[in-house]
Amino acid sequence: MTLDAPAPDSVEHWARSRADAVAVIAADGSLTYGAWDDRANRVADALHRHGLVAGDRIGMRFRLGLPWFVLQRALQKLGVTQVAVNWKLTPAEAEYIIRDSDAKGLACDDVHPEPWTERDLGVLITAGQEPNDGWIRLEDLLAEGAPRERFGAPGSSLILYTSGTTGRPKGVPPRDRTTHPDPDRLARYMASVGSVPPYPPDARVLLTLPVHHGLGPGVVANTTRVGGTVVSLDPFDAESAARLVHEHRLECWYAVPTMLLRVKALPDEVLDRYDLSSLTSIGTAGAPVPQSLKEWIIERIGPDVLWEMYGASEAGMLTYITPDDHLRKPSSSGRPYEEVEVAIVDDDWNRLATGDTGEIVVNTPMVLDRYLGREPLGDDTIRDGFYRTGDVGHLDDDGYLFITDRVKDMIVAGGVNIYPAEIEAAVLDHPGVESVAVIGIPQDDFGEQPMAFVVPRPGRTLTSDDVAAFLDGRLASFKRPRRIDVVDSLPTSPMGKVLKTELRKPFWEGRDRNV
């Protein structure tokens, strides 16, 4: 969507009112709002000459450097939709996304972009490299483009692809007020989501989330909204994150729990070098937050800092819990955002009573009716505007949501339901454990039994017997893992989610059923 004037709180707005204010700090340099807007205008003008127009799509495969900031804003000025491409994907995997989304080409910051040249993907844009023939260099776009003023919506028009843990990845189309059936409802919802966690005016924000996921660009949009400064860190390193908070007196950080756990795991003598007291809000999403991590943040950084969010790519952000509620409602994922309704249902979509455990379904202005280029979703997934999240949980008397687990992660042992998240929370209380994943593995008598993969904290020696002894008395006997493997790391997605399908695979191969 292109505009005739600067949108409130957009890059263009701040370029007019605070041109010299620093907008971005990255490993490869920094940008003021004025410089960001000028470069994006030049690139937009040049890309328009190369044939990109409003309504087109283009793949975006980038790390957290200045080229992404400039190019994504140029595309937004043109009304070109960005297709998020994980930079870790192989060329074949990325090519599938580009073709599936009907993108006009690919922009990337790959050190070696040559593998893309022979794939006939259309327009090819590279940042800072010397590619083969057929590529357009971002530096050349900056040189040839005129600084013609253009305006775009504050955020990014972004197509996200699901993680693809089962089957081929599927695109989630962007939701736009211009095409939404109830734009006022969408606006109220977006305002509610944008206010959590709160960003103060001129906020100084740490960005460690990837830009091929909705949360990364969302952090940038929220920072821009208040005329703040984004300080990016890529690749993620726990001590570097603490150092940047200390050096820049950063106020806000949105991170996945894995990142926070790595900061927590730093030795005291390392962490004590850095003052983290400038942080006024830490937002987290993407995976459950262990209660022990919540308590550490409250004790180490402050009681009014941690905001936990819960969402789904197909339905948007769903619930949040404020710092005040972490101790009052331990283990809760909070209450719904404005314009979000949460319900708990059984297998036949019957609503369950307060306190009863079942599948979480949600109605939001962001619920998609179909994946990109696919047929409409059936009533096994969406019914009466409600989307089945695949998560298990319950609501309490005050309307707070408690997530027990994923439906597919539940272990059934001898007819008894076992929820891995409960076991994982108990294991994480062990002082020598950094992270853990629990899956169900085949067991002839009971069908399944729980198994735990445990990663020790750096510098700690840990054995399976240590963990088993620690759990004695903390979990009912039927919940305790029958096997515990101490491993160096867990397979994770780009957003830090543990890929339990990868852990399960060797145990279930060759069987007719996976449960």
Protein backbone atom coordinates (compact mmCIF):
# COMPACT_ATOMS: atom_id res chain seq x y z
CA MET A 1 0.00 0.00 0.00
CA THR A 2 1.48 3.35 -1.11
CA LEU A 3 0.42 6.71 0.31
CA ASP A 4 0.30 10.36 -0.79
CA ALA A 5 1.74 11.68 2.47
CA PRO A 6 3.83 10.33 5.37
CA ALA A 7 1.93 7.93 7.59
CA PRO A 8 1.99 8.88 11.28
CA ASP A 9 5.03 7.45 13.06
CA SER A 10 6.55 6.04 9.85
CA VAL A 11 10.17 6.32 8.68
CA GLU A 12 9.11 9.21 6.44
CA HIS A 13 7.39 10.97 9.33
CA TRP A 14 10.52 10.90 11.48
CA ALA A 15 12.73 11.78 8.51
CA ARG A 16 10.81 15.06 8.31
CA SER A 17 10.66 15.84 12.03
CA ARG A 18 13.86 14.24 13.42
CA ALA A 19 16.12 13.60 10.44
CA ASP A 20 19.32 13.45 12.51
CA ALA A 21 17.97 10.99 15.10
CA VAL A 22 19.71 7.60 14.93
CA ALA A 23 17.28 4.95 13.73
CA VAL A 24 19.45 1.83 13.28
CA ILE A 25 22.73 0.60 14.70
CA ALA A 26 24.14 -2.62 13.24
CA ALA A 27 27.47 -4.37 12.89
CA ASP A 28 27.90 -2.82 9.43
CA GLY A 29 27.12 0.77 10.41
CA SER A 30 24.25 3.01 11.42
CA LEU A 31 21.45 5.05 9.85
CA THR A 32 19.65 8.22 10.88
CA TYR A 33 15.99 8.52 9.97
CA GLY A 34 16.93 11.02 7.27
CA ALA A 35 19.55 8.74 5.72
CA TRP A 36 17.27 5.70 5.94
CA ASP A 37 14.48 7.53 4.11
CA ASP A 38 16.84 8.99 1.48
CA ARG A 39 18.44 5.62 0.68
CA ALA A 40 15.07 3.87 0.55
CA ASN A 41 13.72 6.55 -1.83
CA ARG A 42 16.68 6.09 -4.18
CA VAL A 43 16.42 2.30 -4.16
CA ALA A 44 12.65 2.47 -4.71
CA ASP A 45 13.13 4.75 -7.71
CA ALA A 46 15.75 2.45 -9.23
CA LEU A 47 13.69 -0.70 -8.62
CA HIS A 48 10.69 0.94 -10.25
CA ARG A 49 12.85 1.53 -13.33
CA HIS A 50 13.71 -2.17 -13.27
CA GLY A 51 10.01 -2.98 -13.49
CA LEU A 52 8.87 -3.59 -9.90
CA VAL A 53 5.39 -2.16 -9.28
CA ALA A 54 2.73 -2.17 -6.57
CA GLY A 55 1.26 -5.62 -6.08
CA ASP A 56 4.44 -7.49 -7.03
CA ARG A 57 6.17 -9.86 -4.61
CA ILE A 58 9.87 -10.42 -4.05
CA GLY A 59 11.78 -12.89 -1.87
CA MET A 60 13.83 -11.40 0.98
CA ARG A 61 16.71 -13.52 2.34
CA PHE A 62 18.70 -11.37 4.78
CA ARG A 63 20.55 -11.22 8.08
CA LEU A 64 20.23 -8.25 10.45
CA GLY A 65 22.29 -5.68 8.54
CA LEU A 66 21.66 -2.26 7.04
CA PRO A 67 20.79 -3.63 3.55
CA TRP A 68 17.62 -5.25 4.87
CA PHE A 69 16.48 -2.02 6.53
CA VAL A 70 16.99 -0.01 3.35
CA LEU A 71 15.54 -2.51 0.91
CA GLN A 72 12.48 -3.47 2.95
CA ARG A 73 11.55 0.20 3.28
CA ALA A 74 12.08 0.78 -0.45
CA LEU A 75 9.76 -2.12 -1.26
CA GLN A 76 7.15 -0.81 1.18
CA LYS A 77 7.28 2.58 -0.55
CA LEU A 78 6.59 0.83 -3.87
CA GLY A 79 3.78 -1.32 -2.48
CA VAL A 80 5.75 -4.51 -3.20
CA THR A 81 5.02 -7.41 -0.86
CA GLN A 82 8.03 -9.10 0.72
CA VAL A 83 8.23 -12.90 0.88
CA ALA A 84 10.24 -13.97 3.92
CA VAL A 85 12.97 -16.52 3.07
CA ASN A 86 15.00 -18.03 5.87
CA TRP A 87 18.71 -17.46 5.15
CA LYS A 88 19.46 -20.96 6.47
CA LEU A 89 17.44 -22.67 3.73
CA THR A 90 19.20 -24.49 0.93
CA PRO A 91 18.84 -22.99 -2.56
CA ALA A 92 16.31 -25.69 -3.45
CA GLU A 93 14.19 -24.97 -0.36
CA ALA A 94 14.31 -21.22 -0.98
CA GLU A 95 13.49 -21.69 -4.67
CA TYR A 96 10.35 -23.58 -3.67
CA ILE A 97 9.15 -20.61 -1.59
CA ILE A 98 9.92 -18.07 -4.31
CA ARG A 99 8.06 -20.06 -6.95
CA ASP A 100 5.20 -21.04 -4.65
CA SER A 101 4.62 -17.37 -3.74
CA ASP A 102 4.82 -16.25 -7.38
CA ALA A 103 7.57 -13.79 -6.43
CA LYS A 104 9.21 -11.72 -9.16
CA GLY A 105 12.68 -12.56 -7.87
CA LEU A 106 15.00 -12.66 -4.88
CA ALA A 107 16.99 -10.13 -2.87
CA CYS A 108 19.69 -11.47 -0.56
CA ASP A 109 22.92 -10.72 1.28
CA ASP A 110 24.46 -14.14 0.70
CA VAL A 111 28.25 -14.08 0.71
CA HIS A 112 28.18 -16.35 -2.33
CA PRO A 113 25.01 -15.60 -4.32
CA GLU A 114 26.14 -17.56 -7.38
CA PRO A 115 23.91 -20.62 -6.66
CA TRP A 116 20.87 -18.48 -7.49
CA THR A 117 22.03 -17.37 -10.94
CA GLU A 118 21.13 -20.57 -12.77
CA ARG A 119 17.68 -20.96 -11.23
CA ASP A 120 15.84 -18.45 -13.44
CA LEU A 121 14.12 -16.74 -10.51
CA GLY A 122 13.58 -13.37 -12.15
CA VAL A 123 14.95 -10.15 -10.63
CA LEU A 124 18.05 -10.86 -8.53
CA ILE A 125 19.30 -8.21 -6.06
CA THR A 126 22.43 -8.62 -3.95
CA ALA A 127 23.87 -6.50 -1.15
CA GLY A 128 27.61 -5.80 -1.07
CA GLN A 129 28.84 -8.68 -3.22
CA GLU A 130 30.40 -9.07 -6.65
CA PRO A 131 28.00 -11.57 -8.25
CA ASN A 132 27.80 -13.17 -11.64
CA ASP A 133 26.02 -11.54 -14.56
CA GLY A 134 22.31 -11.05 -14.08
CA TRP A 135 22.46 -9.61 -10.57
CA ILE A 136 21.55 -6.07 -9.54
CA ARG A 137 23.80 -4.69 -6.78
CA LEU A 138 22.16 -2.67 -4.02
CA GLU A 139 25.03 -0.18 -4.26
CA ASP A 140 24.22 0.36 -7.94
CA LEU A 141 20.56 0.93 -7.13
CA LEU A 142 21.58 3.60 -4.62
CA ALA A 143 23.80 5.27 -7.22
CA GLU A 144 21.35 5.27 -10.10
CA GLY A 145 18.11 6.03 -8.22
CA ALA A 146 16.76 9.56 -7.85
CA PRO A 147 15.76 10.76 -4.34
CA ARG A 148 12.12 10.97 -5.33
CA GLU A 149 9.94 11.14 -2.23
CA ARG A 150 7.66 8.14 -1.74
CA PHE A 151 5.55 7.05 1.20
CA GLY A 152 4.56 3.64 2.51
CA ALA A 153 2.55 2.20 5.37
CA PRO A 154 4.46 2.13 8.72
CA GLY A 155 5.11 -1.63 8.81
CA SER A 156 5.95 -4.19 6.14
CA SER A 157 3.68 -6.12 3.81
CA LEU A 158 5.07 -9.57 4.50
CA ILE A 159 4.22 -13.12 3.42
CA LEU A 160 5.44 -15.61 6.01
CA TYR A 161 5.95 -19.31 5.40
CA THR A 162 5.13 -21.87 8.05
CA SER A 163 8.03 -23.81 9.46
CA GLY A 164 7.29 -26.86 7.36
CA THR A 165 7.86 -29.38 10.16
CA THR A 166 5.22 -31.49 8.42
CA GLY A 167 4.98 -31.41 4.65
CA ARG A 168 5.90 -28.48 2.42
CA PRO A 169 5.93 -24.95 3.89
CA LYS A 170 2.80 -22.89 3.21
CA GLY A 171 2.53 -19.14 2.81
CA VAL A 172 0.49 -16.99 5.18
CA PRO A 173 -0.76 -13.94 3.25
CA PRO A 174 -0.46 -10.45 4.78
CA ARG A 175 -3.55 -8.84 6.26
CA ASP A 176 -4.19 -5.32 4.99
CA ARG A 177 -6.76 -2.78 6.17
CA THR A 178 -7.56 -1.92 2.55
CA THR A 179 -8.81 -5.45 1.86
CA HIS A 180 -9.96 -6.56 5.33
CA PRO A 181 -13.74 -7.10 5.72
CA ASP A 182 -13.70 -5.21 9.05
CA PRO A 183 -10.83 -2.69 8.93
CA ASP A 184 -11.89 -0.96 12.16
CA ARG A 185 -11.73 -4.23 14.09
CA LEU A 186 -8.31 -4.94 12.58
CA ALA A 187 -7.12 -1.45 13.57
CA ARG A 188 -8.23 -1.93 17.19
CA TYR A 189 -6.51 -5.31 17.29
CA MET A 190 -3.27 -3.98 15.81
CA ALA A 191 -3.22 -1.08 18.28
CA SER A 192 -3.65 -3.53 21.16
CA VAL A 193 -0.87 -5.81 19.90
CA GLY A 194 1.43 -2.84 19.24
CA SER A 195 1.09 -1.67 22.83
CA VAL A 196 2.50 -4.91 24.31
CA PRO A 197 5.14 -4.65 25.58
CA PRO A 198 5.04 -0.86 25.86
CA TYR A 199 7.77 1.08 24.08
CA PRO A 200 8.52 4.55 25.53
CA PRO A 201 9.08 7.51 23.19
CA ASP A 202 12.50 7.36 21.52
CA ALA A 203 12.91 3.80 22.82
CA ARG A 204 16.31 2.13 22.49
CA VAL A 205 15.57 -1.43 21.42
CA LEU A 206 17.67 -4.59 21.06
CA LEU A 207 16.82 -6.63 17.95
CA THR A 208 17.95 -10.27 18.01
CA LEU A 209 15.03 -11.91 16.18
CA PRO A 210 15.31 -12.86 12.50
CA VAL A 211 13.59 -10.79 9.83
CA HIS A 212 12.25 -13.86 8.02
CA HIS A 213 9.73 -14.22 10.85
CA GLY A 214 6.94 -11.83 11.80
CA LEU A 215 8.40 -10.92 15.19
CA GLY A 216 11.63 -9.40 13.83
CA PRO A 217 9.96 -6.91 11.46
CA GLY A 218 7.35 -6.32 14.18
CA VAL A 219 10.04 -5.14 16.59
CA VAL A 220 11.36 -2.76 13.93
CA ALA A 221 7.87 -1.42 13.22
CA ASN A 222 7.14 -0.85 16.92
CA THR A 223 10.47 0.93 17.39
CA THR A 224 9.87 3.14 14.37
CA ARG A 225 6.38 3.93 15.67
CA VAL A 226 7.91 5.73 18.68
CA GLY A 227 10.84 7.23 16.77
CA GLY A 228 13.28 4.96 18.56
CA THR A 229 16.61 3.32 17.81
CA VAL A 230 17.06 -0.32 16.81
CA VAL A 231 20.34 -1.93 17.87
CA SER A 232 20.70 -5.26 16.05
CA LEU A 233 22.75 -8.31 17.01
CA ASP A 234 23.36 -11.16 14.58
CA PRO A 235 24.38 -13.89 15.16
CA PHE A 236 23.02 -14.07 18.67
CA ASP A 237 25.49 -14.36 21.53
CA ALA A 238 24.38 -14.11 25.15
CA GLU A 239 27.30 -12.05 26.41
CA SER A 240 27.14 -9.73 23.39
CA ALA A 241 23.46 -9.11 24.10
CA ALA A 242 24.26 -8.18 27.70
CA ARG A 243 27.11 -5.97 26.50
CA LEU A 244 24.90 -4.07 24.05
CA VAL A 245 22.28 -3.47 26.72
CA HIS A 246 25.01 -2.11 28.99
CA GLU A 247 26.77 0.04 26.36
CA HIS A 248 23.68 1.58 24.74
CA ARG A 249 21.47 1.66 27.86
CA LEU A 250 18.85 -0.28 25.93
CA GLU A 251 15.33 -0.18 27.29
CA CYS A 252 13.42 -2.89 25.38
CA TRP A 253 14.23 -6.37 24.16
CA TYR A 254 11.96 -8.91 22.44
CA ALA A 255 13.52 -12.39 22.56
CA VAL A 256 12.61 -16.06 22.37
CA PRO A 257 13.02 -17.97 25.66
CA THR A 258 16.09 -19.80 24.32
CA MET A 259 17.97 -16.49 24.16
CA LEU A 260 16.95 -15.50 27.65
CA LEU A 261 17.95 -18.92 28.99
CA ARG A 262 21.42 -18.46 27.47
CA VAL A 263 21.83 -15.12 29.23
CA LYS A 264 20.66 -16.76 32.45
CA ALA A 265 23.25 -19.51 31.93
CA LEU A 266 26.17 -17.04 31.79
CA PRO A 267 28.53 -17.41 34.75
CA ASP A 268 27.92 -14.82 37.45
CA GLU A 269 31.40 -13.36 37.00
CA VAL A 270 30.57 -12.66 33.33
CA LEU A 271 27.08 -11.32 33.88
CA ASP A 272 28.24 -9.07 36.70
CA ARG A 273 30.29 -7.05 34.19
CA TYR A 274 27.14 -5.67 32.61
CA ASP A 275 24.44 -3.39 34.02
CA LEU A 276 21.06 -4.54 32.70
CA SER A 277 18.99 -2.16 34.82
CA SER A 278 18.15 0.07 31.83
CA LEU A 279 15.77 -2.63 30.54
CA THR A 280 12.19 -1.56 31.21
CA SER A 281 10.55 -4.33 29.17
CA ILE A 282 11.48 -7.77 27.92
CA GLY A 283 8.96 -9.34 25.57
CA THR A 284 9.09 -13.02 24.76
CA ALA A 285 7.15 -15.43 22.57
CA GLY A 286 7.63 -18.49 20.39
CA ALA A 287 7.88 -21.08 23.17
CA PRO A 288 6.75 -21.56 26.78
CA VAL A 289 8.73 -19.61 29.39
CA PRO A 290 9.89 -21.79 32.31
CA GLN A 291 8.76 -20.47 35.66
CA SER A 292 12.38 -20.61 36.87
CA LEU A 293 13.36 -18.21 34.05
CA LYS A 294 10.55 -15.83 34.96
CA GLU A 295 11.71 -15.81 38.57
CA TRP A 296 15.34 -15.20 37.52
CA ILE A 297 14.34 -12.18 35.41
CA ILE A 298 12.29 -10.77 38.27
CA GLU A 299 15.17 -11.21 40.70
CA ARG A 300 18.05 -10.23 38.41
CA ILE A 301 16.54 -7.43 36.26
CA GLY A 302 13.34 -6.34 37.93
CA PRO A 303 9.73 -7.24 38.83
CA ASP A 304 8.11 -4.99 36.20
CA VAL A 305 10.03 -6.10 33.11
CA LEU A 306 8.84 -9.41 31.63
CA TRP A 307 5.93 -9.57 29.17
CA GLU A 308 5.08 -12.97 27.69
CA MET A 309 3.11 -13.29 24.46
CA TYR A 310 1.42 -16.21 22.73
CA GLY A 311 0.51 -16.31 19.06
CA ALA A 312 0.20 -18.38 15.89
CA SER A 313 1.27 -17.56 12.33
CA GLU A 314 -2.21 -18.38 11.06
CA ALA A 315 -4.08 -16.22 13.59
CA GLY A 316 -1.70 -13.50 14.82
CA MET A 317 -0.86 -12.64 18.40
CA LEU A 318 -3.42 -14.09 20.81
CA THR A 319 -2.71 -13.47 24.50
CA TYR A 320 -0.21 -11.71 26.75
CA ILE A 321 0.65 -11.68 30.42
CA THR A 322 1.86 -8.57 32.21
CA PRO A 323 4.74 -8.41 34.70
CA ASP A 324 2.24 -8.01 37.55
CA ASP A 325 0.60 -11.33 36.73
CA HIS A 326 3.66 -13.57 36.53
CA LEU A 327 3.64 -14.29 40.26
CA ARG A 328 -0.13 -14.01 40.69
CA LYS A 329 -0.84 -16.36 37.77
CA PRO A 330 2.29 -18.53 37.48
CA SER A 331 2.58 -20.56 34.27
CA SER A 332 -0.23 -18.61 32.59
CA SER A 333 0.03 -17.15 29.08
CA GLY A 334 -2.28 -14.33 30.08
CA ARG A 335 -5.45 -12.84 28.71
CA PRO A 336 -6.49 -12.10 25.10
CA TYR A 337 -5.66 -8.93 23.22
CA GLU A 338 -8.53 -6.68 22.23
CA GLU A 339 -10.70 -8.26 19.51
CA VAL A 340 -9.43 -11.78 20.33
CA GLU A 341 -11.69 -14.52 21.67
CA VAL A 342 -10.21 -17.72 23.11
CA ALA A 343 -12.15 -20.91 23.76
CA ILE A 344 -11.36 -24.50 24.75
CA VAL A 345 -13.00 -27.30 22.77
CA ASP A 346 -13.03 -31.08 22.52
CA ASP A 347 -12.42 -33.10 19.35
CA ASP A 348 -15.94 -32.29 18.09
CA TRP A 349 -15.62 -28.52 18.64
CA ASN A 350 -17.83 -28.63 21.74
CA ARG A 351 -16.87 -25.86 24.16
CA LEU A 352 -15.52 -27.09 27.47
CA ALA A 353 -16.16 -25.64 30.90
CA THR A 354 -13.78 -23.30 32.69
CA GLY A 355 -10.85 -25.30 34.07
CA ASP A 356 -11.31 -28.24 31.68
CA THR A 357 -8.36 -29.11 29.42
CA GLY A 358 -8.83 -29.28 25.67
CA GLU A 359 -7.65 -27.77 22.40
CA ILE A 360 -7.27 -23.98 22.22
CA VAL A 361 -9.29 -22.30 19.44
CA VAL A 362 -9.19 -18.58 18.67
CA ASN A 363 -11.13 -15.94 16.78
CA THR A 364 -9.09 -12.90 15.72
CA PRO A 365 -9.11 -10.38 12.85
CA MET A 366 -5.97 -12.14 11.58
CA VAL A 367 -7.34 -15.68 11.15
CA LEU A 368 -6.60 -16.77 7.60
CA ASP A 369 -9.16 -18.64 5.55
CA ARG A 370 -6.60 -20.25 3.26
CA TYR A 371 -2.86 -20.50 2.76
CA LEU A 372 -1.35 -18.69 -0.19
CA GLY A 373 -2.45 -20.34 -3.43
CA ARG A 374 -4.35 -23.09 -1.59
CA GLU A 375 -7.99 -24.08 -1.28
CA PRO A 376 -10.00 -22.71 1.68
CA LEU A 377 -9.27 -24.41 4.97
CA GLY A 378 -11.85 -27.00 5.99
CA ASP A 379 -14.05 -27.01 9.07
CA ASP A 380 -11.63 -29.38 10.73
CA THR A 381 -9.34 -26.32 11.06
CA ILE A 382 -11.68 -23.29 11.02
CA ARG A 383 -15.28 -23.18 12.16
CA ASP A 384 -17.45 -20.11 12.84
CA GLY A 385 -14.37 -17.92 12.62
CA PHE A 386 -12.39 -19.96 15.17
CA TYR A 387 -9.01 -21.48 14.29
CA ARG A 388 -7.69 -24.67 15.90
CA THR A 389 -4.22 -23.83 17.21
CA GLY A 390 -3.09 -27.40 17.87
CA ASP A 391 -2.25 -26.37 21.44
CA VAL A 392 -3.72 -27.88 24.60
CA GLY A 393 -4.76 -25.80 27.59
CA HIS A 394 -7.49 -24.41 29.81
CA LEU A 395 -8.98 -21.10 30.95
CA ASP A 396 -9.35 -20.19 34.61
CA ASP A 397 -12.20 -18.27 36.27
CA ASP A 398 -10.54 -14.94 35.48
CA GLY A 399 -10.15 -15.69 31.77
CA TYR A 400 -6.41 -16.39 31.90
CA LEU A 401 -5.09 -18.99 29.49
CA PHE A 402 -2.84 -21.84 30.60
CA ILE A 403 -1.11 -23.81 27.81
CA THR A 404 -0.38 -27.42 28.65
CA ASP A 405 1.21 -28.62 25.42
CA ARG A 406 0.86 -29.20 21.73
CA VAL A 407 -1.74 -31.78 20.71
CA LYS A 408 0.84 -33.67 18.66
CA ASP A 409 3.36 -33.62 21.54
CA MET A 410 1.05 -35.29 24.05
CA ILE A 411 2.23 -38.73 25.19
CA VAL A 412 -0.31 -41.46 25.86
CA ALA A 413 1.13 -44.16 28.12
CA GLY A 414 -1.19 -46.95 29.10
CA GLY A 415 -4.22 -44.76 28.38
CA VAL A 416 -2.92 -41.90 30.54
CA ASN A 417 -2.17 -38.52 28.98
CA ILE A 418 1.29 -37.17 29.79
CA TYR A 419 2.16 -33.59 28.83
CA PRO A 420 5.88 -33.07 28.07
CA ALA A 421 5.81 -29.41 29.13
CA GLU A 422 5.19 -30.43 32.72
CA ILE A 423 8.19 -32.77 32.70
CA GLU A 424 10.36 -30.16 30.97
CA ALA A 425 9.49 -27.55 33.59
CA ALA A 426 10.59 -29.93 36.35
CA VAL A 427 13.88 -30.79 34.63
CA LEU A 428 14.66 -27.09 34.04
CA ASP A 429 14.60 -26.53 37.79
CA HIS A 430 17.84 -28.52 37.99
CA PRO A 431 20.63 -25.95 38.43
CA GLY A 432 22.86 -27.78 35.94
CA VAL A 433 20.35 -27.86 33.08
CA GLU A 434 20.28 -25.25 30.31
CA SER A 435 17.50 -26.72 28.12
CA VAL A 436 15.44 -29.86 27.72
CA ALA A 437 13.01 -31.53 25.32
CA VAL A 438 10.70 -34.42 26.15
CA ILE A 439 9.13 -36.69 23.52
CA GLY A 440 7.19 -39.93 23.47
CA ILE A 441 9.03 -43.03 22.27
CA PRO A 442 7.56 -46.47 21.49
CA GLN A 443 7.05 -48.90 24.35
CA ASP A 444 5.37 -52.23 23.67
CA ASP A 445 3.39 -52.53 26.89
CA PHE A 446 2.23 -48.93 27.27
CA GLY A 447 2.29 -47.65 23.68
CA GLU A 448 4.56 -44.74 24.54
CA GLN A 449 6.84 -43.65 27.32
CA PRO A 450 8.50 -40.27 27.89
CA MET A 451 12.13 -39.67 26.99
CA ALA A 452 14.14 -36.54 27.85
CA PHE A 453 17.00 -34.89 25.95
CA VAL A 454 18.93 -32.68 28.36
CA VAL A 455 21.53 -30.00 27.55
CA PRO A 456 23.79 -29.11 30.51
CA ARG A 457 24.79 -25.56 31.35
CA PRO A 458 28.20 -24.52 30.03
CA GLY A 459 30.97 -25.79 32.25
CA ARG A 460 28.71 -28.22 34.14
CA THR A 461 29.05 -31.99 34.15
CA LEU A 462 25.69 -33.76 34.12
CA THR A 463 24.67 -37.41 33.90
CA SER A 464 21.39 -39.14 33.25
CA ASP A 465 21.44 -40.48 36.80
CA ASP A 466 21.81 -36.93 38.16
CA VAL A 467 18.66 -35.82 36.37
CA ALA A 468 16.71 -38.94 37.30
CA ALA A 469 17.60 -38.54 40.99
CA PHE A 470 16.62 -34.86 40.86
CA LEU A 471 13.15 -35.73 39.51
CA ASP A 472 12.51 -38.30 42.23
CA GLY A 473 9.67 -36.88 44.27
CA ARG A 474 9.09 -33.96 41.91
CA LEU A 475 7.00 -35.87 39.39
CA ALA A 476 4.55 -38.75 39.69
CA SER A 477 6.23 -42.00 38.73
CA PHE A 478 4.25 -42.36 35.48
CA LYS A 479 5.47 -38.93 34.32
CA ARG A 480 9.17 -39.49 34.92
CA PRO A 481 11.21 -40.11 31.75
CA ARG A 482 12.08 -43.76 31.23
CA ARG A 483 15.17 -42.68 29.32
CA ILE A 484 17.32 -39.56 29.71
CA ASP A 485 20.02 -38.62 27.19
CA VAL A 486 22.50 -35.84 27.95
CA VAL A 487 23.28 -34.07 24.65
CA ASP A 488 25.31 -31.08 23.49
CA SER A 489 22.41 -29.30 21.80
CA LEU A 490 18.82 -29.61 20.59
CA PRO A 491 17.64 -29.15 17.00
CA THR A 492 15.80 -25.82 16.76
CA SER A 493 13.94 -23.72 14.21
CA PRO A 494 15.15 -20.17 13.37
CA MET A 495 12.84 -18.85 16.09
CA GLY A 496 14.34 -21.08 18.75
CA LYS A 497 11.56 -23.67 18.88
CA VAL A 498 12.81 -27.19 19.52
CA LEU A 499 12.07 -29.44 16.53
CA LYS A 500 10.65 -32.44 18.33
CA THR A 501 9.83 -34.08 15.02
CA GLU A 502 13.58 -34.41 14.44
CA LEU A 503 14.07 -35.97 17.89
CA ARG A 504 11.19 -38.40 17.39
CA LYS A 505 12.15 -39.52 13.88
CA PRO A 506 14.76 -42.22 14.66
CA PHE A 507 12.53 -43.87 17.27
CA TRP A 508 9.40 -44.12 15.10
CA GLU A 509 10.90 -44.96 11.71
CA GLY A 510 9.50 -48.11 10.15
CA ARG A 511 6.32 -48.13 12.25
CA ASP A 512 2.80 -47.89 10.91
CA ARG A 513 1.85 -45.27 13.50
CA ASN A 514 3.77 -42.50 15.21
CA VAL A 515 1.91 -42.73 18.51
